[in-house]
């Protein structure tokens, strides 16, 4: 590898030996699960992570188990509670770029004989327990998709220190189709459908009956590889993300100050965290009204993300009895995430100050 090779830069960032470029972070999760031979096995994921993690687990032939979160951080706790389920793998995520306790989780996983796939899709450049996000577990993944910290529009990477595992992951990825206009169109369709659907699934649980058909129609969007043209700007994007870290920290601090005295809260951050979005918690009874006010006043990127996956999981994997996840459900009902831009500071503080006056 050379310094003009993005895999070299990614390995250096993550302190890993091997990196395989993929179409998206979920492709990396799929390829890792497949390479480990975990078909039919139980895989634990946070109950409030992105739906595409669930789809990657299902697409690899595994059975998902939702794990409840620490309500103070939105991440998995030090020792995830599995309700007696014997997991073969676990996929902890750094939600919003707030780092999960990976040292403790990896220690717990080792005692349980559980494979760890660190989902660092939202945390490129962050430091988790003294090591870079992406340096933990048997495998880790980054995302370079639209809106991520490294915004290449598309792409991701899967990393490991195991040479044989990296070779097997690379072999799996080589069998996948390339990103093209077909995938672009399908992704746009799915985003429009799901964005509307997940707004209402908790108010009308019958909507979850639509998920099996939608999964059949769109699940192929989880796994693909990139061609050379899609990777041309990646080195520049990686450099830009590293340089942008201080700006993200500064904007987050300004948002902290803007919300002082208002009946809202945010999540505790550590010095090494690099936020992807700014997570704001609002009373669940008024959250959607506050969100609508933000949209009306130009903060269009504010979202109620990430929702609980219990409805989708129950529909797509009915054979697995899922544990209760009250913390994740409560968290999903309160969350608003905000873009980290200077204009957001002014707009959001004005809207919330007027709304709560």
Protein backbone atom coordinates (compact mmCIF):
# COMPACT_ATOMS: atom_id res chain seq x y z
CA UNK A 1 0.00 0.00 0.00
CA UNK A 2 1.10 3.58 -0.70
CA UNK A 3 -0.01 6.94 0.63
CA UNK A 4 -2.10 7.50 -2.51
CA UNK A 5 -4.02 4.32 -1.70
CA UNK A 6 -7.14 5.03 0.41
CA UNK A 7 -6.89 1.65 2.12
CA UNK A 8 -3.50 2.71 3.52
CA UNK A 9 -4.97 5.90 4.96
CA UNK A 10 -7.93 4.02 6.40
CA UNK A 11 -5.69 1.40 8.03
CA UNK A 12 -3.52 4.15 9.51
CA UNK A 13 -6.59 5.92 10.90
CA UNK A 14 -7.97 2.74 12.46
CA UNK A 15 -4.63 1.23 13.50
CA UNK A 16 -5.55 -1.89 11.54
CA UNK A 17 -3.47 -4.11 9.27
CA UNK A 18 -6.03 -4.81 6.55
CA UNK A 19 -8.82 -2.82 4.92
CA UNK A 20 -11.24 -3.88 2.18
CA UNK A 21 -13.24 -1.19 0.36
CA UNK A 22 -16.94 -1.95 -0.05
CA UNK A 23 -20.09 -0.30 -1.34
CA UNK A 24 -21.33 0.70 2.10
CA UNK A 25 -20.68 -0.15 5.75
CA UNK A 26 -23.56 -2.64 5.72
CA UNK A 27 -21.82 -4.52 2.91
CA UNK A 28 -18.83 -4.85 5.22
CA UNK A 29 -21.03 -6.24 8.00
CA UNK A 30 -22.62 -8.70 5.57
CA UNK A 31 -19.25 -9.80 4.19
CA UNK A 32 -17.77 -10.25 7.68
CA UNK A 33 -20.72 -12.32 8.93
CA UNK A 34 -20.58 -14.42 5.78
CA UNK A 35 -16.81 -14.88 6.05
CA UNK A 36 -17.14 -15.99 9.66
CA UNK A 37 -19.67 -18.64 8.55
CA UNK A 38 -22.40 -17.47 10.93
CA UNK A 39 -25.37 -18.42 8.77
CA UNK A 40 -28.26 -19.43 11.02
CA UNK A 41 -26.58 -18.01 14.14
CA UNK A 42 -27.88 -15.31 16.48
CA UNK A 43 -26.35 -11.84 16.09
CA UNK A 44 -27.00 -9.05 18.59
CA UNK A 45 -27.54 -5.47 17.37
CA UNK A 46 -28.63 -2.30 19.19
CA UNK A 47 -32.39 -1.92 19.12
CA UNK A 48 -32.06 1.67 17.88
CA UNK A 49 -29.41 1.39 15.21
CA UNK A 50 -29.91 1.87 11.46
CA UNK A 51 -32.29 -0.52 9.71
CA UNK A 52 -29.51 -1.42 7.23
CA UNK A 53 -27.57 -3.19 10.02
CA UNK A 54 -30.61 -5.40 10.55
CA UNK A 55 -30.83 -6.02 6.80
CA UNK A 56 -27.14 -6.91 6.58
CA UNK A 57 -27.60 -9.49 9.34
CA UNK A 58 -30.63 -10.99 7.61
CA UNK A 59 -28.98 -10.91 4.18
CA UNK A 60 -26.03 -12.89 5.57
CA UNK A 61 -28.46 -15.61 6.69
CA UNK A 62 -28.14 -14.78 10.39
CA UNK A 63 -30.86 -14.26 12.98
CA UNK A 64 -30.99 -10.81 14.64
CA UNK A 65 -31.50 -10.23 18.36
CA UNK A 66 -32.28 -6.68 19.48
CA UNK A 67 -30.32 -5.50 22.51
CA UNK A 68 -31.47 -2.71 24.80
CA UNK A 69 -29.30 0.37 25.25
CA UNK A 70 -27.94 2.54 28.03
CA UNK A 71 -30.58 5.32 28.23
CA UNK A 72 -27.92 7.89 29.16
CA UNK A 73 -25.80 7.40 26.03
CA UNK A 74 -27.91 5.69 23.35
CA UNK A 75 -25.17 3.06 23.01
CA UNK A 76 -24.99 -0.53 24.18
CA UNK A 77 -24.07 -0.80 27.88
CA UNK A 78 -20.81 -2.23 29.27
CA UNK A 79 -22.32 -5.71 29.43
CA UNK A 80 -25.17 -6.13 26.91
CA UNK A 81 -28.17 -8.02 28.26
CA UNK A 82 -29.16 -10.93 26.03
CA UNK A 83 -31.95 -12.49 28.11
CA UNK A 84 -30.17 -15.82 27.95
CA UNK A 85 -29.76 -15.86 24.16
CA UNK A 86 -26.48 -17.45 23.04
CA UNK A 87 -25.11 -14.94 20.58
CA UNK A 88 -22.44 -15.78 18.03
CA UNK A 89 -21.67 -12.14 17.21
CA UNK A 90 -22.50 -8.63 18.37
CA UNK A 91 -22.46 -5.35 16.43
CA UNK A 92 -21.98 -2.37 18.78
CA UNK A 93 -22.39 1.04 17.16
CA UNK A 94 -21.09 4.48 18.13
CA UNK A 95 -24.43 6.27 17.95
CA UNK A 96 -24.24 9.78 16.50
CA UNK A 97 -20.44 9.63 16.90
CA UNK A 98 -20.67 9.29 20.69
CA UNK A 99 -18.33 6.43 21.40
CA UNK A 100 -19.60 3.18 22.88
CA UNK A 101 -17.66 1.46 25.71
CA UNK A 102 -15.83 -0.88 23.35
CA UNK A 103 -13.12 -1.97 25.82
CA UNK A 104 -15.74 -3.33 28.21
CA UNK A 105 -17.93 -4.77 25.45
CA UNK A 106 -14.96 -6.58 23.88
CA UNK A 107 -13.96 -7.94 27.29
CA UNK A 108 -17.51 -9.18 27.88
CA UNK A 109 -17.63 -10.70 24.38
CA UNK A 110 -14.37 -12.57 24.94
CA UNK A 111 -15.74 -14.22 28.09
CA UNK A 112 -18.87 -15.20 26.14
CA UNK A 113 -17.05 -16.42 23.02
CA UNK A 114 -18.82 -13.78 20.93
CA UNK A 115 -17.39 -12.19 17.76
CA UNK A 116 -17.37 -8.36 17.80
CA UNK A 117 -18.03 -6.34 14.65
CA UNK A 118 -17.51 -2.70 15.57
CA UNK A 119 -19.86 -0.41 13.66
CA UNK A 120 -17.88 2.84 13.37
CA UNK A 121 -19.96 4.12 10.44
CA UNK A 122 -20.84 7.29 12.37
CA UNK A 123 -17.56 7.83 14.20
CA UNK A 124 -14.66 8.22 11.77
CA UNK A 125 -11.94 10.16 13.59
CA UNK A 126 -13.32 9.55 17.09
CA UNK A 127 -11.36 7.98 19.93
CA UNK A 128 -13.02 5.14 21.86
CA UNK A 129 -11.42 4.07 25.14
CA UNK A 130 -8.01 5.35 24.06
CA UNK A 131 -8.03 3.81 20.56
CA UNK A 132 -9.48 5.04 17.27
CA UNK A 133 -13.06 4.15 16.55
CA UNK A 134 -12.60 1.33 14.07
CA UNK A 135 -9.71 -0.27 15.97
CA UNK A 136 -11.86 -2.51 18.15
CA UNK A 137 -13.21 -6.02 17.80
CA UNK A 138 -12.52 -8.82 15.35
CA UNK A 139 -13.77 -6.60 12.50
CA UNK A 140 -14.84 -2.99 12.17
CA UNK A 141 -16.61 -0.97 9.49
CA UNK A 142 -16.61 2.66 8.32
CA UNK A 143 -19.14 4.41 6.10
CA UNK A 144 -18.31 6.97 3.42
CA UNK A 145 -21.89 7.45 2.26
CA UNK A 146 -23.82 10.67 1.76
CA UNK A 147 -24.07 12.72 4.94
CA UNK A 148 -21.46 10.75 6.88
CA UNK A 149 -18.35 12.30 8.45
CA UNK A 150 -16.41 11.08 5.41
CA UNK A 151 -18.91 12.06 2.71
CA UNK A 152 -17.87 10.39 -0.54
CA UNK A 153 -21.51 9.98 -1.55
CA UNK A 154 -21.08 6.22 -1.51
CA UNK A 155 -18.70 3.63 -0.10
CA UNK A 156 -17.35 2.09 3.07
CA UNK A 157 -14.59 -0.09 4.42
CA UNK A 158 -14.29 -3.24 6.49
CA UNK A 159 -11.15 -3.63 8.61
CA UNK A 160 -9.40 -6.39 10.52
CA UNK A 161 -5.98 -7.48 11.74
CA UNK A 162 -6.53 -11.05 10.52
CA UNK A 163 -4.93 -11.57 7.09
CA UNK A 164 -6.90 -14.74 6.29
CA UNK A 165 -10.18 -13.16 7.32
CA UNK A 166 -9.42 -10.09 5.19
CA UNK A 167 -8.74 -12.33 2.20
CA UNK A 168 -12.04 -14.16 2.70
CA UNK A 169 -13.94 -10.88 3.06
CA UNK A 170 -12.30 -9.64 -0.13
CA UNK A 171 -13.35 -12.85 -1.89
CA UNK A 172 -16.97 -12.37 -0.77
CA UNK A 173 -16.99 -8.72 -1.87
CA UNK A 174 -15.59 -9.64 -5.30
CA UNK A 175 -18.75 -11.66 -5.99
CA UNK A 176 -21.05 -8.67 -5.46
CA UNK A 177 -22.47 -6.41 -8.17
CA UNK A 178 -21.02 -2.94 -8.74
CA UNK A 179 -22.75 0.27 -7.68
CA UNK A 180 -24.52 1.72 -10.72
CA UNK A 181 -27.63 3.63 -11.77
CA UNK A 182 -29.82 0.66 -10.88
CA UNK A 183 -28.67 0.88 -7.27
CA UNK A 184 -28.98 4.66 -7.24
CA UNK A 185 -32.60 4.53 -8.41
CA UNK A 186 -33.46 1.72 -6.02
CA UNK A 187 -31.88 3.54 -3.09
CA UNK A 188 -33.83 6.71 -3.87
CA UNK A 189 -37.06 4.70 -4.02
CA UNK A 190 -36.40 2.92 -0.75
CA UNK A 191 -35.41 6.08 1.10
CA UNK A 192 -38.64 7.77 0.08
CA UNK A 193 -40.75 4.76 1.09
CA UNK A 194 -39.06 4.09 4.42
CA UNK A 195 -38.80 7.72 5.44
CA UNK A 196 -42.59 7.97 5.22
CA UNK A 197 -43.28 4.59 6.77
CA UNK A 198 -41.15 4.84 9.87
CA UNK A 199 -42.82 8.14 10.84
CA UNK A 200 -46.00 6.23 11.62
CA UNK A 201 -45.14 2.63 12.49
CA UNK A 202 -45.43 3.21 16.25
CA UNK A 203 -48.82 4.92 15.78
CA UNK A 204 -50.13 2.20 13.46
CA UNK A 205 -48.29 -1.11 14.10
CA UNK A 206 -50.27 -2.73 11.27
CA UNK A 207 -47.92 -0.92 8.89
CA UNK A 208 -45.19 -3.37 9.90
CA UNK A 209 -46.96 -5.99 7.77
CA UNK A 210 -45.53 -4.13 4.76
CA UNK A 211 -41.91 -4.80 5.72
CA UNK A 212 -41.51 -8.36 4.38
CA UNK A 213 -42.58 -7.31 0.88
CA UNK A 214 -40.43 -4.19 1.01
CA UNK A 215 -37.44 -6.19 2.17
CA UNK A 216 -37.85 -8.58 -0.74
CA UNK A 217 -38.07 -5.64 -3.13
CA UNK A 218 -35.06 -3.71 -1.80
CA UNK A 219 -32.76 -5.98 0.18
CA UNK A 220 -30.22 -6.21 -2.66
CA UNK A 221 -29.40 -2.56 -1.93
CA UNK A 222 -27.43 -3.74 1.11
CA UNK A 223 -24.58 -5.45 -0.74
CA UNK A 224 -22.48 -4.06 -3.58
CA UNK A 225 -18.96 -2.99 -4.42
CA UNK A 226 -17.54 0.17 -5.94
CA UNK A 227 -15.71 0.71 -9.20
CA UNK A 228 -12.58 2.82 -9.59
CA UNK A 229 -14.51 5.92 -10.62
CA UNK A 230 -16.48 5.89 -7.35
CA UNK A 231 -13.21 5.89 -5.38
CA UNK A 232 -11.45 8.73 -7.19
CA UNK A 233 -12.21 11.38 -4.59
CA UNK A 234 -11.98 9.22 -1.47
CA UNK A 235 -8.47 10.25 -0.42
CA UNK A 236 -9.52 13.90 -0.55
CA UNK A 237 -12.67 13.14 1.46
CA UNK A 238 -10.67 11.28 4.10
CA UNK A 239 -8.36 14.26 4.49
CA UNK A 240 -11.27 16.70 4.65
CA UNK A 241 -12.93 14.69 7.40
CA UNK A 242 -9.79 14.74 9.52
CA UNK A 243 -9.45 18.52 9.10
CA UNK A 244 -13.17 19.02 9.84
CA UNK A 245 -13.04 17.43 13.30
CA UNK A 246 -12.36 20.71 15.16
CA UNK A 247 -15.26 22.44 13.40
CA UNK A 248 -17.64 19.69 14.46
CA UNK A 249 -16.49 19.96 18.06
CA UNK A 250 -16.85 23.75 17.99
CA UNK A 251 -20.38 23.69 16.53
CA UNK A 252 -21.47 21.05 19.07
CA UNK A 253 -20.19 23.27 21.90
CA UNK A 254 -22.14 26.22 20.53
CA UNK A 255 -25.30 24.10 20.40
CA UNK A 256 -24.70 23.03 24.02
CA UNK A 257 -24.63 26.70 25.03
CA UNK A 258 -27.66 27.60 22.90
CA UNK A 259 -29.84 25.03 24.67
CA UNK A 260 -28.91 26.00 28.23
CA UNK A 261 -32.03 26.80 30.24
CA UNK A 262 -34.39 25.10 27.79
CA UNK A 263 -36.34 21.92 28.73
CA UNK A 264 -34.23 19.77 26.43
CA UNK A 265 -31.11 17.70 26.96
CA UNK A 266 -28.32 16.14 24.98
CA UNK A 267 -26.14 13.08 25.47
CA UNK A 268 -22.92 13.12 27.50
CA UNK A 269 -19.81 13.30 25.35
CA UNK A 270 -16.22 12.37 26.02
CA UNK A 271 -13.15 14.22 24.83
CA UNK A 272 -12.49 11.78 21.99
CA UNK A 273 -15.99 11.86 20.52
CA UNK A 274 -16.53 13.26 17.02
CA UNK A 275 -20.22 13.87 16.45
CA UNK A 276 -21.87 12.83 13.20
CA UNK A 277 -25.12 14.58 14.15
CA UNK A 278 -26.05 16.50 17.29
CA UNK A 279 -28.51 14.40 19.33
CA UNK A 280 -31.17 16.41 21.17
CA UNK A 281 -33.68 14.83 23.56
CA UNK A 282 -37.12 16.41 23.85
CA UNK A 283 -40.13 15.27 25.89
CA UNK A 284 -41.78 12.54 23.81
CA UNK A 285 -45.19 14.22 24.18
CA UNK A 286 -44.05 17.29 22.22
CA UNK A 287 -41.11 15.92 20.22
CA UNK A 288 -42.97 15.72 16.90
CA UNK A 289 -44.42 19.23 17.33
CA UNK A 290 -40.95 20.62 18.01
CA UNK A 291 -39.59 18.78 14.99
CA UNK A 292 -42.36 20.20 12.79
CA UNK A 293 -41.50 23.71 14.00
CA UNK A 294 -37.85 23.17 13.08
CA UNK A 295 -38.83 22.01 9.60
CA UNK A 296 -41.14 25.00 9.13
CA UNK A 297 -38.31 27.38 10.01
CA UNK A 298 -35.76 25.91 7.63
CA UNK A 299 -33.96 23.25 9.69
CA UNK A 300 -34.93 20.61 7.14
CA UNK A 301 -32.19 18.14 8.09
CA UNK A 302 -33.51 17.68 11.63
CA UNK A 303 -34.82 14.11 12.00
CA UNK A 304 -36.31 11.65 14.49
CA UNK A 305 -33.49 9.20 13.93
CA UNK A 306 -32.80 6.40 14.90
CA UNK A 307 -36.16 4.72 15.49
CA UNK A 308 -36.55 1.51 17.43
CA UNK A 309 -36.23 -1.51 15.15
CA UNK A 310 -38.71 -3.65 17.06
CA UNK A 311 -41.51 -3.34 14.49
CA UNK A 312 -39.34 -4.10 11.49
CA UNK A 313 -37.49 -6.92 13.26
CA UNK A 314 -40.69 -8.61 14.41
CA UNK A 315 -41.95 -8.54 10.82
CA UNK A 316 -38.73 -9.74 9.16
CA UNK A 317 -37.58 -12.27 11.75
CA UNK A 318 -40.73 -13.55 13.48
CA UNK A 319 -39.09 -16.84 14.48
CA UNK A 320 -36.83 -15.08 17.03
CA UNK A 321 -38.47 -14.06 20.29
CA UNK A 322 -37.13 -10.57 20.87
CA UNK A 323 -36.42 -9.27 24.38
CA UNK A 324 -38.08 -6.11 25.61
CA UNK A 325 -36.11 -2.94 24.85
CA UNK A 326 -37.78 -0.18 26.91
CA UNK A 327 -34.73 2.09 26.95
CA UNK A 328 -34.40 2.03 23.17
CA UNK A 329 -38.13 2.62 22.74
CA UNK A 330 -38.03 5.60 25.10
CA UNK A 331 -34.91 7.00 23.44
CA UNK A 332 -36.43 6.71 19.96
CA UNK A 333 -39.51 8.64 21.12
CA UNK A 334 -37.43 11.58 22.37
CA UNK A 335 -34.62 11.98 19.87
CA UNK A 336 -34.15 14.78 17.36
CA UNK A 337 -30.81 14.89 15.58
CA UNK A 338 -29.49 18.11 14.17
CA UNK A 339 -26.97 18.85 11.44
CA UNK A 340 -23.66 20.24 12.65
CA UNK A 341 -23.63 23.55 10.81
CA UNK A 342 -23.19 27.11 12.03
CA UNK A 343 -26.57 28.13 10.62
CA UNK A 344 -28.22 25.37 12.66
CA UNK A 345 -27.01 26.98 15.88
CA UNK A 346 -28.85 30.23 15.20
CA UNK A 347 -31.96 28.73 13.60
CA UNK A 348 -32.46 25.99 16.18
CA UNK A 349 -31.88 28.16 19.23
CA UNK A 350 -34.35 30.75 17.93
CA UNK A 351 -37.04 28.18 17.10
CA UNK A 352 -36.72 26.33 20.42
CA UNK A 353 -36.57 29.53 22.49
CA UNK A 354 -39.80 30.75 20.86
CA UNK A 355 -41.48 27.33 21.06
CA UNK A 356 -40.80 26.82 24.77
CA UNK A 357 -41.44 30.46 25.74
